[in-house]
Amino acid sequence: MTLVQFLAGHRAEFFGLLMQHIVLVGASTAVAVLIGVPTGILAARRPRVGAPIVWLANVVQTIPSLAMFGFLLPLPLVGGLGARVAILVLILYALLPIVRTTAAGLRGLDPALIEAGTALGLTPRQLLWQVELPLALPAIVAGIRVAAVIGVGTATIAAAVGAGGLGEYIFRGLSMVDPTVILAGAVPAAVLALTADGLLLWIERAFGRRGNRRVPRAVPAAVAITSILLIVVAATTASRRTGPVIRIGSKNFTEQIVLGEIIAQAIERNAHVTVERRLNLGGTFICDKAIRAGDIDVYVEYTGTADTAIFKEQVDTDPARVFARVREHYADAGLTLLAPLGFENTFAILVRGDDARRLGLKTIDDARSAARSWQAGFGYEFLQRADGYPGLANRYGLRFGSPPRAMDLSLIYRALARRQVDLIAGDATSGLISAYDLVMLEDNRRYFPPYDAAAVARSATLLRYPEVRLALEGLSGRISMGDMRQMNRAVDAGHDDPAAVARAFLARLERGRQSKG
């Protein structure tokens, strides 16, 4: 009932994401058919030429889908955020089953039928269209069926690169640790996959019964459907790019999504431009590549993260020096780092409250002896960053009983509360710290650099739209750590909608300005 209520309350958004998902899968599968069927014919008729192509398709299938998006993201023309790169990845994954089943269907034909057609005087082209393809069509449709089902599942990951679709709910639910929101994306995706599988299975069996009587008419129909889908995708992309559009990005955890909404709504209130949200994009490096490539115009970064992870500087604990250096680096890249929003979100080394009270833990130094029998859990970036686990372990002499577990940031707090791990690196502003009775250990050796949150924007965008700069400057210094913790807790523990939380904060901010005025 909770899932039904959620979908009922988000009808317009849900149907929009569902249509995006259908277009992504439909367009990519149609293009894969146009490429894969001729390639399968080539592989069946000329194995020496077709074998390398099939091998390449096999290699593509071995690459994890998220890694594939990462490989293509920085490439010119085909890369970047949005539907373009998502459709390309889905095409690549759909090719192998279509190529394989087409080649297998043609190779499995009875040679006597081919000889009979040749004896009747059919040309190779006529033989292909009138005998071979009709007889192999059930196998070809079976390959399309597999490709479509794979596409529905893979398209959920496309939300990580701003392509939309039902994966938006899955990633949002993971960041909020909300099973209802996760199911709002997962259940419809599963239903869509079963529907596509059932429809194509019916078509496959229908062709198997009818043989070769009316098959040639299906070819122009497939081409027409492909054209329509591609036109829809092109029209959708073009419509997004007409008129002034400001694209707001964010990383894939609650605070970033809330901040992305605050920035988006502040611009919508104060600037006459269309705002496009590309939230939940992934980690630091995806957002950085996206803003440099022009796929987004604004997102919130943390000064210490930019200094050490993006610009590879040595860890520096002086806030003013770090901010000035990061602003200069961004300026060299055509980006502007605006004044901090008003709060710092440093890494928080967290333990359970009962462990802290029982063992008298107050600082990270205090945890050294207990750590020898503990299991640590850290985010993927923290395990490799210059300001992450390797340096922390060296500075404090931390040695754990087993190697730290790599975990998604959205799951790490719950894992600690449920005793799956004993120490984590979270966010100082997380609302789940108090919700789960966790204790933040003091960084008594001052290992972590400052992490002042500040908006990063494309300088060209700010010059072209001065009202956008004014909207962003209006947020500088206005979000306190208490505000951020309260908003994070409302989303993470209260399961409030991030857009509603951002709207309520901006309303409070406006009332405060009016009262002072």
Protein backbone atom coordinates (compact mmCIF):
# COMPACT_ATOMS: atom_id res chain seq x y z
CA MET A 1 0.00 0.00 0.00
CA THR A 2 2.88 2.37 0.72
CA LEU A 3 4.25 1.79 -2.77
CA VAL A 4 0.82 2.39 -4.33
CA GLN A 5 0.42 5.59 -2.32
CA PHE A 6 3.86 6.80 -3.40
CA LEU A 7 3.14 6.14 -7.09
CA ALA A 8 -0.27 7.77 -6.78
CA GLY A 9 1.29 10.86 -5.22
CA HIS A 10 3.96 11.07 -7.92
CA ARG A 11 1.86 10.15 -10.95
CA ALA A 12 3.18 12.79 -13.34
CA GLU A 13 6.80 12.16 -12.40
CA PHE A 14 6.37 8.38 -12.55
CA PHE A 15 4.83 8.34 -16.01
CA GLY A 16 7.51 10.73 -17.25
CA LEU A 17 10.28 8.43 -16.00
CA LEU A 18 8.47 5.37 -17.37
CA MET A 19 8.24 6.94 -20.84
CA GLN A 20 11.92 7.87 -20.69
CA HIS A 21 12.73 4.26 -19.84
CA ILE A 22 10.60 2.90 -22.68
CA VAL A 23 12.17 5.30 -25.21
CA LEU A 24 15.71 4.41 -24.07
CA VAL A 25 15.07 0.67 -24.40
CA GLY A 26 12.94 0.90 -27.56
CA ALA A 27 15.29 3.17 -29.48
CA SER A 28 18.44 1.25 -28.51
CA THR A 29 16.89 -2.15 -29.27
CA ALA A 30 15.59 -0.96 -32.65
CA VAL A 31 19.02 0.36 -33.65
CA ALA A 32 20.64 -2.83 -32.38
CA VAL A 33 18.29 -4.83 -34.64
CA LEU A 34 19.27 -2.74 -37.66
CA ILE A 35 22.96 -3.33 -36.91
CA GLY A 36 22.83 -6.81 -35.40
CA VAL A 37 20.74 -8.66 -38.01
CA PRO A 38 22.99 -7.72 -40.99
CA THR A 39 26.03 -8.48 -38.82
CA GLY A 40 24.57 -11.89 -37.95
CA ILE A 41 23.95 -12.58 -41.64
CA LEU A 42 27.57 -11.67 -42.36
CA ALA A 43 28.78 -13.89 -39.52
CA ALA A 44 26.75 -16.83 -40.88
CA ARG A 45 27.78 -16.43 -44.52
CA ARG A 46 31.39 -15.36 -44.01
CA PRO A 47 32.64 -16.75 -40.69
CA ARG A 48 36.16 -15.38 -41.13
CA VAL A 49 34.80 -11.84 -41.39
CA GLY A 50 32.05 -12.30 -38.80
CA ALA A 51 34.14 -14.03 -36.12
CA PRO A 52 36.06 -10.89 -35.01
CA ILE A 53 32.77 -8.95 -34.81
CA VAL A 54 31.17 -11.61 -32.62
CA TRP A 55 34.31 -11.71 -30.47
CA LEU A 56 34.14 -7.93 -30.00
CA ALA A 57 30.47 -8.17 -29.01
CA ASN A 58 31.44 -10.86 -26.49
CA VAL A 59 34.10 -8.57 -24.99
CA VAL A 60 31.55 -5.75 -24.61
CA GLN A 61 29.26 -8.11 -22.66
CA THR A 62 32.02 -8.81 -20.13
CA ILE A 63 32.35 -5.12 -19.18
CA PRO A 64 30.13 -4.15 -16.21
CA SER A 65 27.48 -1.69 -17.29
CA LEU A 66 28.47 1.04 -14.82
CA ALA A 67 32.08 0.74 -15.95
CA MET A 68 30.94 1.04 -19.57
CA PHE A 69 29.21 4.33 -18.78
CA GLY A 70 32.43 5.49 -17.10
CA PHE A 71 34.53 4.59 -20.16
CA LEU A 72 32.27 6.46 -22.58
CA LEU A 73 31.52 9.50 -20.41
CA PRO A 74 34.64 11.55 -21.30
CA LEU A 75 34.68 10.67 -25.01
CA PRO A 76 33.85 13.44 -27.51
CA LEU A 77 30.67 13.21 -29.60
CA VAL A 78 29.41 9.91 -28.11
CA GLY A 79 30.18 10.71 -24.47
CA GLY A 80 28.73 13.14 -21.95
CA LEU A 81 25.64 12.95 -19.81
CA GLY A 82 22.11 12.17 -20.88
CA ALA A 83 20.24 9.89 -23.25
CA ARG A 84 22.93 9.88 -25.95
CA VAL A 85 25.53 7.90 -24.02
CA ALA A 86 22.83 5.72 -22.42
CA ILE A 87 21.42 4.67 -25.80
CA LEU A 88 24.92 3.90 -27.09
CA VAL A 89 25.66 1.63 -24.11
CA LEU A 90 22.31 -0.13 -24.47
CA ILE A 91 22.95 -0.71 -28.18
CA LEU A 92 26.32 -2.27 -27.42
CA TYR A 93 24.80 -4.66 -24.87
CA ALA A 94 21.91 -5.58 -27.19
CA LEU A 95 24.12 -6.51 -30.15
CA LEU A 96 25.51 -9.84 -28.95
CA PRO A 97 22.23 -11.78 -28.48
CA ILE A 98 20.87 -10.45 -31.79
CA VAL A 99 24.05 -11.24 -33.75
CA ARG A 100 24.37 -14.69 -32.19
CA THR A 101 20.78 -15.81 -32.70
CA THR A 102 20.70 -14.46 -36.27
CA ALA A 103 23.86 -16.35 -37.18
CA ALA A 104 22.71 -19.50 -35.34
CA GLY A 105 19.29 -19.38 -36.99
CA LEU A 106 20.78 -19.15 -40.49
CA ARG A 107 23.41 -21.82 -39.85
CA GLY A 108 20.78 -24.21 -38.48
CA LEU A 109 18.67 -24.27 -41.66
CA ASP A 110 18.31 -27.55 -43.53
CA PRO A 111 20.79 -27.45 -46.47
CA ALA A 112 18.21 -29.27 -48.61
CA LEU A 113 15.95 -26.20 -48.45
CA ILE A 114 18.75 -23.96 -49.66
CA GLU A 115 19.56 -26.37 -52.49
CA ALA A 116 15.89 -26.50 -53.48
CA GLY A 117 15.69 -22.71 -53.66
CA THR A 118 18.85 -22.55 -55.73
CA ALA A 119 17.48 -25.22 -58.07
CA LEU A 120 14.35 -23.12 -58.59
CA GLY A 121 16.55 -20.30 -59.87
CA LEU A 122 16.46 -17.97 -56.86
CA THR A 123 19.31 -15.48 -56.68
CA PRO A 124 21.31 -15.30 -53.44
CA ARG A 125 19.39 -12.12 -52.50
CA GLN A 126 16.02 -13.77 -53.20
CA LEU A 127 17.13 -16.87 -51.34
CA LEU A 128 18.01 -14.76 -48.29
CA TRP A 129 14.75 -12.77 -48.20
CA GLN A 130 12.31 -15.46 -49.29
CA VAL A 131 13.76 -18.59 -47.68
CA GLU A 132 16.55 -18.09 -45.14
CA LEU A 133 15.38 -15.06 -43.14
CA PRO A 134 11.73 -16.20 -42.87
CA LEU A 135 12.81 -19.59 -41.57
CA ALA A 136 15.37 -18.06 -39.18
CA LEU A 137 12.99 -15.35 -37.96
CA PRO A 138 11.84 -17.17 -34.76
CA ALA A 139 15.49 -17.42 -33.69
CA ILE A 140 16.09 -13.75 -34.55
CA VAL A 141 13.05 -12.65 -32.54
CA ALA A 142 14.33 -14.75 -29.63
CA GLY A 143 17.56 -12.73 -29.72
CA ILE A 144 15.64 -9.46 -29.83
CA ARG A 145 13.64 -10.69 -26.85
CA VAL A 146 16.80 -11.32 -24.82
CA ALA A 147 18.23 -7.94 -25.89
CA ALA A 148 15.09 -6.08 -24.85
CA VAL A 149 15.01 -7.68 -21.39
CA ILE A 150 18.73 -6.91 -20.89
CA GLY A 151 18.03 -3.35 -22.01
CA VAL A 152 15.27 -2.81 -19.45
CA GLY A 153 17.58 -3.84 -16.63
CA THR A 154 20.64 -1.97 -17.88
CA ALA A 155 18.64 1.21 -18.51
CA THR A 156 18.05 1.56 -14.76
CA ILE A 157 21.77 2.25 -14.35
CA ALA A 158 21.57 5.00 -16.99
CA ALA A 159 20.09 7.31 -14.34
CA ALA A 160 23.63 7.59 -12.91
CA VAL A 161 24.64 9.58 -16.01
CA GLY A 162 21.56 11.78 -16.16
CA ALA A 163 19.61 9.76 -18.74
CA GLY A 164 16.46 9.52 -16.62
CA GLY A 165 14.23 6.46 -16.54
CA LEU A 166 13.05 4.33 -13.64
CA GLY A 167 16.59 4.12 -12.28
CA GLU A 168 16.02 7.65 -10.92
CA TYR A 169 13.81 6.15 -8.21
CA ILE A 170 16.28 3.35 -7.48
CA PHE A 171 19.23 5.69 -7.00
CA ARG A 172 17.11 8.17 -5.07
CA GLY A 173 15.86 5.41 -2.80
CA LEU A 174 19.39 4.17 -2.17
CA SER A 175 20.58 7.65 -1.23
CA MET A 176 17.57 8.06 1.11
CA VAL A 177 17.74 4.44 2.36
CA ASP A 178 14.03 4.25 1.52
CA PRO A 179 12.78 0.83 0.33
CA THR A 180 9.52 2.33 -0.97
CA VAL A 181 11.32 4.65 -3.39
CA ILE A 182 13.64 1.81 -4.48
CA LEU A 183 10.63 -0.40 -5.19
CA ALA A 184 8.97 2.45 -7.09
CA GLY A 185 11.75 2.04 -9.66
CA ALA A 186 12.47 -1.68 -9.36
CA VAL A 187 8.91 -3.07 -9.52
CA PRO A 188 7.82 -1.15 -12.66
CA ALA A 189 11.14 -2.04 -14.31
CA ALA A 190 10.52 -5.71 -13.58
CA VAL A 191 6.95 -5.46 -14.92
CA LEU A 192 8.24 -3.70 -18.04
CA ALA A 193 10.84 -6.44 -18.58
CA LEU A 194 8.22 -9.19 -18.18
CA THR A 195 5.85 -7.35 -20.53
CA ALA A 196 8.53 -6.98 -23.22
CA ASP A 197 9.53 -10.62 -22.77
CA GLY A 198 5.92 -11.84 -23.04
CA LEU A 199 5.10 -9.71 -26.07
CA LEU A 200 8.20 -10.77 -27.98
CA LEU A 201 7.66 -14.40 -26.97
CA TRP A 202 4.17 -14.21 -28.48
CA ILE A 203 5.64 -12.70 -31.68
CA GLU A 204 8.34 -15.39 -31.75
CA ARG A 205 5.75 -18.17 -31.51
CA ALA A 206 3.49 -16.47 -34.05
CA PHE A 207 6.29 -16.42 -36.61
CA GLY A 208 7.12 -20.00 -35.76
CA ARG A 209 3.54 -21.01 -36.62
CA ARG A 210 3.13 -18.90 -39.75
CA GLY A 211 6.40 -19.83 -41.36
CA ASN A 212 7.36 -17.59 -44.28
CA ARG A 213 3.99 -16.41 -45.55
CA ARG A 214 4.02 -12.71 -44.61
CA VAL A 215 7.43 -12.12 -43.11
CA PRO A 216 8.79 -9.62 -45.66
CA ARG A 217 6.15 -7.06 -44.64
CA ALA A 218 7.60 -6.99 -41.13
CA VAL A 219 10.87 -5.49 -42.37
CA PRO A 220 9.56 -2.06 -43.45
CA ALA A 221 7.39 -1.98 -40.33
CA ALA A 222 10.49 -2.47 -38.15
CA VAL A 223 12.30 0.28 -40.03
CA ALA A 224 9.31 2.62 -39.57
CA ILE A 225 9.10 1.92 -35.82
CA THR A 226 12.84 2.52 -35.51
CA SER A 227 12.55 5.84 -37.31
CA ILE A 228 9.66 6.97 -35.12
CA LEU A 229 11.53 6.10 -31.93
CA LEU A 230 14.66 7.88 -33.07
CA ILE A 231 12.63 10.95 -34.05
CA VAL A 232 11.03 10.96 -30.59
CA VAL A 233 14.46 10.79 -28.92
CA ALA A 234 15.86 13.50 -31.18
CA ALA A 235 12.82 15.73 -30.63
CA THR A 236 13.04 15.27 -26.87
CA THR A 237 16.73 16.17 -26.85
CA ALA A 238 16.18 19.15 -29.13
CA SER A 239 13.30 20.50 -27.06
CA ARG A 240 15.47 20.46 -23.96
CA ARG A 241 18.07 22.58 -25.69
CA THR A 242 15.79 25.29 -27.04
CA GLY A 243 15.78 28.50 -25.01
CA PRO A 244 17.81 29.25 -21.89
CA VAL A 245 18.37 26.03 -19.93
CA ILE A 246 20.46 25.76 -16.77
CA ARG A 247 21.42 22.22 -15.81
CA ILE A 248 21.93 21.52 -12.12
CA GLY A 249 23.90 18.43 -11.12
CA SER A 250 24.62 16.64 -7.86
CA LYS A 251 26.45 13.64 -6.49
CA ASN A 252 24.63 10.53 -5.36
CA PHE A 253 23.89 11.07 -1.68
CA THR A 254 21.13 12.83 0.22
CA GLU A 255 22.86 16.10 1.06
CA GLN A 256 23.89 16.65 -2.54
CA ILE A 257 20.37 15.96 -3.84
CA VAL A 258 18.89 18.43 -1.33
CA LEU A 259 21.49 21.07 -2.23
CA GLY A 260 20.85 20.46 -5.93
CA GLU A 261 17.13 21.07 -5.33
CA ILE A 262 17.84 24.23 -3.30
CA ILE A 263 19.98 25.64 -6.11
CA ALA A 264 17.50 24.62 -8.81
CA GLN A 265 14.53 26.14 -6.99
CA ALA A 266 16.45 29.33 -6.11
CA ILE A 267 17.29 29.84 -9.79
CA GLU A 268 13.71 29.09 -10.84
CA ARG A 269 12.47 31.74 -8.39
CA ASN A 270 14.92 34.46 -9.35
CA ALA A 271 15.96 33.86 -12.98
CA HIS A 272 13.86 33.61 -16.13
CA VAL A 273 15.40 30.38 -17.35
CA THR A 274 14.38 26.74 -17.55
CA VAL A 275 16.11 24.58 -14.96
CA GLU A 276 16.94 20.97 -15.78
CA ARG A 277 17.84 18.71 -12.88
CA ARG A 278 20.54 16.08 -13.36
CA LEU A 279 20.80 14.88 -9.79
CA ASN A 280 22.20 11.62 -8.43
CA LEU A 281 24.94 11.55 -11.07
CA GLY A 282 27.46 9.51 -9.15
CA GLY A 283 30.68 10.48 -7.41
CA THR A 284 32.99 13.47 -7.47
CA PHE A 285 34.73 12.65 -10.73
CA ILE A 286 31.54 12.18 -12.76
CA CYS A 287 30.26 15.59 -11.65
CA ASP A 288 33.63 17.20 -12.34
CA LYS A 289 33.80 15.75 -15.85
CA ALA A 290 30.19 16.74 -16.49
CA ILE A 291 30.68 20.41 -15.60
CA ARG A 292 33.91 20.65 -17.57
CA ALA A 293 32.20 19.13 -20.62
CA GLY A 294 29.22 21.48 -20.33
CA ASP A 295 26.74 18.73 -19.51
CA ILE A 296 25.84 20.55 -16.30
CA ASP A 297 26.21 24.23 -15.37
CA VAL A 298 26.23 24.15 -11.57
CA TYR A 299 26.81 21.69 -8.75
CA VAL A 300 28.01 21.84 -5.15
CA GLU A 301 31.54 20.73 -4.32
CA TYR A 302 33.54 20.64 -1.08
CA THR A 303 36.82 22.56 -0.98
CA GLY A 304 38.91 19.79 0.59
CA THR A 305 37.54 17.25 -1.89
CA ALA A 306 38.36 19.49 -4.84
CA ASP A 307 41.82 20.30 -3.49
CA THR A 308 42.97 16.72 -2.84
CA ALA A 309 40.83 14.48 -5.07
CA ILE A 310 40.37 16.63 -8.18
CA PHE A 311 43.47 18.84 -8.22
CA LYS A 312 45.78 16.35 -6.46
CA GLU A 313 47.21 18.85 -3.97
CA GLN A 314 48.76 17.81 -0.67
CA VAL A 315 46.41 17.81 2.30
CA ASP A 316 46.20 21.33 3.74
CA THR A 317 44.22 22.21 6.89
CA ASP A 318 44.04 25.99 6.34
CA PRO A 319 40.50 26.84 5.08
CA ALA A 320 41.36 30.20 3.49
CA ARG A 321 44.41 28.85 1.69
CA VAL A 322 42.53 25.81 0.41
CA PHE A 323 39.61 27.92 -0.84
CA ALA A 324 41.90 30.38 -2.66
CA ARG A 325 43.89 27.58 -4.32
CA VAL A 326 40.78 25.67 -5.39
CA ARG A 327 39.15 28.84 -6.78
CA GLU A 328 42.28 29.52 -8.83
CA HIS A 329 42.35 25.96 -10.22
CA TYR A 330 38.70 26.19 -11.20
CA ALA A 331 39.25 29.59 -12.85
CA ASP A 332 41.96 28.08 -15.04
CA ALA A 333 39.35 25.57 -16.28
CA GLY A 334 36.71 28.23 -17.04
CA LEU A 335 34.78 27.51 -13.83
CA THR A 336 33.82 29.76 -10.92
CA LEU A 337 33.85 28.72 -7.28
CA LEU A 338 31.35 30.91 -5.46
CA ALA A 339 31.50 31.87 -1.79
CA PRO A 340 30.81 28.97 0.63
CA LEU A 341 27.21 28.16 1.45
CA GLY A 342 27.87 28.43 5.16
CA PHE A 343 28.65 24.95 6.45
CA GLU A 344 31.45 22.41 6.35
CA ASN A 345 30.85 18.72 5.74
CA THR A 346 34.00 16.98 6.83
CA PHE A 347 34.49 13.24 6.94
CA ALA A 348 33.11 11.87 10.19
CA ILE A 349 34.71 8.78 11.70
CA LEU A 350 31.71 7.15 13.33
CA VAL A 351 31.14 4.32 15.79
CA ARG A 352 28.01 3.06 17.54
CA GLY A 353 26.95 5.07 20.56
CA ASP A 354 26.94 2.05 22.89
CA ASP A 355 30.50 1.14 21.85
CA ALA A 356 31.68 4.72 22.40
CA ARG A 357 30.13 4.86 25.87
CA ARG A 358 31.29 1.37 26.88
CA LEU A 359 34.89 1.89 25.74
CA GLY A 360 35.13 5.60 26.53
CA LEU A 361 35.84 6.58 22.91
CA LYS A 362 36.03 10.30 22.17
CA THR A 363 38.81 10.68 19.62
CA ILE A 364 40.10 8.66 16.68
CA ASP A 365 43.21 7.95 18.75
CA ASP A 366 41.02 6.29 21.36
CA ALA A 367 39.79 3.78 18.78
CA ARG A 368 43.22 2.35 17.90
CA SER A 369 43.22 -0.52 20.39
CA ALA A 370 39.63 -1.58 19.66
CA ALA A 371 40.18 -1.36 15.89
CA ARG A 372 42.35 -4.51 15.92
CA SER A 373 39.22 -6.62 16.37
CA TRP A 374 36.88 -4.39 14.36
CA GLN A 375 35.57 -4.46 10.80
CA ALA A 376 35.68 -1.07 9.08
CA GLY A 377 33.40 0.02 6.22
CA PHE A 378 34.27 2.89 3.87
CA GLY A 379 32.91 4.40 0.66
CA TYR A 380 34.65 3.58 -2.61
CA GLU A 381 36.20 7.04 -2.99
CA PHE A 382 37.38 7.20 0.63
CA LEU A 383 39.40 4.00 0.19
CA GLN A 384 41.51 5.58 -2.57
CA ARG A 385 41.52 9.35 -2.03
CA ALA A 386 44.61 11.20 -0.85
CA ASP A 387 42.56 12.49 2.09
CA GLY A 388 40.99 9.09 2.69
CA TYR A 389 41.74 5.79 4.40
CA PRO A 390 45.43 5.23 3.50
CA GLY A 391 46.50 8.58 4.98
CA LEU A 392 44.13 8.23 7.94
CA ALA A 393 45.56 4.80 8.81
CA ASN A 394 49.12 6.15 8.66
CA ARG A 395 48.37 9.29 10.67
CA TYR A 396 46.60 7.43 13.49
CA GLY A 397 48.24 4.01 13.25
CA LEU A 398 44.87 2.34 12.67
CA ARG A 399 45.06 -1.39 12.05
CA PHE A 400 41.87 -3.40 11.61
CA GLY A 401 41.36 -7.13 12.07
CA SER A 402 40.50 -7.50 8.36
CA PRO A 403 40.67 -5.23 5.31
CA PRO A 404 37.94 -2.54 5.28
CA ARG A 405 34.78 -3.37 3.35
CA ALA A 406 33.96 -1.13 0.37
CA MET A 407 30.34 0.00 0.64
CA ASP A 408 27.95 2.45 -0.98
CA LEU A 409 27.57 5.64 1.06
CA SER A 410 23.81 5.26 1.13
CA LEU A 411 24.11 1.92 3.00
CA ILE A 412 27.05 2.56 5.25
CA TYR A 413 25.18 4.08 8.24
CA ARG A 414 22.66 1.26 8.38
CA ALA A 415 25.50 -1.29 8.17
CA LEU A 416 27.10 0.28 11.24
CA ALA A 417 23.84 0.42 13.18
CA ARG A 418 23.13 -3.25 12.37
CA ARG A 419 26.64 -4.30 13.48
CA GLN A 420 27.72 -5.44 10.04
CA VAL A 421 30.72 -3.11 10.47
CA ASP A 422 32.14 -1.38 13.54
CA LEU A 423 33.61 1.89 12.22
CA ILE A 424 32.78 3.97 9.16
CA ALA A 425 33.69 7.24 7.47
CA GLY A 426 30.47 9.19 6.99
CA ASP A 427 29.44 12.83 6.64
CA ALA A 428 29.49 15.24 9.58
CA THR A 429 26.14 16.69 8.46
CA SER A 430 24.31 13.37 8.10
CA GLY A 431 20.94 13.23 9.81
CA LEU A 432 21.42 9.50 10.39
CA ILE A 433 24.11 10.13 13.01
CA SER A 434 21.52 11.05 15.62
CA ALA A 435 18.82 8.82 14.13
CA TYR A 436 20.98 5.70 14.60
CA ASP A 437 22.67 6.86 17.86
CA LEU A 438 26.13 7.08 16.31
CA VAL A 439 29.08 9.00 17.75
CA MET A 440 31.53 11.09 15.73
CA LEU A 441 35.11 10.66 16.95
CA GLU A 442 37.17 13.84 17.16
CA ASP A 443 39.90 14.27 14.54
CA ASN A 444 42.39 15.15 17.29
CA ARG A 445 45.42 14.98 15.00
CA ARG A 446 43.76 17.29 12.45
CA TYR A 447 44.09 14.90 9.55
CA PHE A 448 41.14 16.01 7.43
CA PRO A 449 41.30 19.23 5.38
CA PRO A 450 38.44 21.76 5.42
CA TYR A 451 35.37 20.75 3.43
CA ASP A 452 33.42 23.98 2.95
CA ALA A 453 30.44 23.43 0.65
CA ALA A 454 30.34 25.87 -2.26
CA ALA A 455 28.65 26.06 -5.64
CA VAL A 456 30.83 25.51 -8.71
CA ALA A 457 29.47 27.03 -11.92
CA ARG A 458 30.56 27.44 -15.52
CA SER A 459 31.89 30.99 -15.85
CA ALA A 460 30.30 31.36 -19.30
CA THR A 461 26.90 30.56 -17.80
CA LEU A 462 27.27 33.18 -15.07
CA LEU A 463 28.33 35.81 -17.60
CA ARG A 464 25.45 35.00 -19.92
CA TYR A 465 22.84 34.88 -17.14
CA PRO A 466 23.74 37.41 -14.38
CA GLU A 467 20.48 36.57 -12.59
CA VAL A 468 21.76 33.02 -12.08
CA ARG A 469 24.85 34.40 -10.36
CA LEU A 470 22.63 36.56 -8.14
CA ALA A 471 20.52 33.54 -7.21
CA LEU A 472 23.61 31.54 -6.27
CA GLU A 473 25.18 34.41 -4.35
CA GLY A 474 21.93 34.75 -2.42
CA LEU A 475 22.60 31.31 -0.93
CA SER A 476 26.20 31.99 0.13
CA GLY A 477 26.57 31.92 3.90
CA ARG A 478 22.87 31.13 4.40
CA ILE A 479 22.96 27.36 5.07
CA SER A 480 24.29 26.46 8.50
CA MET A 481 25.46 23.02 9.61
CA GLY A 482 22.34 22.81 11.78
CA ASP A 483 20.16 23.57 8.75
CA MET A 484 21.90 20.92 6.70
CA ARG A 485 21.65 18.27 9.42
CA GLN A 486 17.96 19.02 9.87
CA MET A 487 17.29 18.71 6.12
CA ASN A 488 19.34 15.54 5.79
CA ARG A 489 17.48 13.95 8.70
CA ALA A 490 14.10 14.93 7.23
CA VAL A 491 15.00 13.01 4.06
CA ASP A 492 16.99 10.10 5.48
CA ALA A 493 15.04 9.39 8.67
CA GLY A 494 11.68 11.03 7.91
CA HIS A 495 11.64 9.92 4.24
CA ASP A 496 10.48 13.39 3.15
CA ASP A 497 10.79 14.31 -0.51
CA PRO A 498 14.08 16.25 -1.12
CA ALA A 499 12.26 18.78 -3.31
CA ALA A 500 9.74 19.49 -0.54
CA VAL A 501 12.52 19.82 2.04
CA ALA A 502 14.38 22.28 -0.20
CA ARG A 503 11.18 24.24 -0.82
CA ALA A 504 10.49 24.53 2.90
CA PHE A 505 14.05 25.75 3.57
CA LEU A 506 13.85 28.43 0.87
CA ALA A 507 10.51 29.56 2.27
CA ARG A 508 12.07 29.92 5.75
CA LEU A 509 15.01 31.78 4.21
CA GLU A 510 12.65 34.19 2.42
CA ARG A 511 10.62 34.81 5.58
CA GLY A 512 13.86 35.58 7.43
CA ARG A 513 14.88 38.10 4.77
CA GLN A 514 11.49 39.78 4.87
CA SER A 515 11.51 40.06 8.66
CA LYS A 516 14.96 41.65 8.57
CA GLY A 517 13.85 43.95 5.75
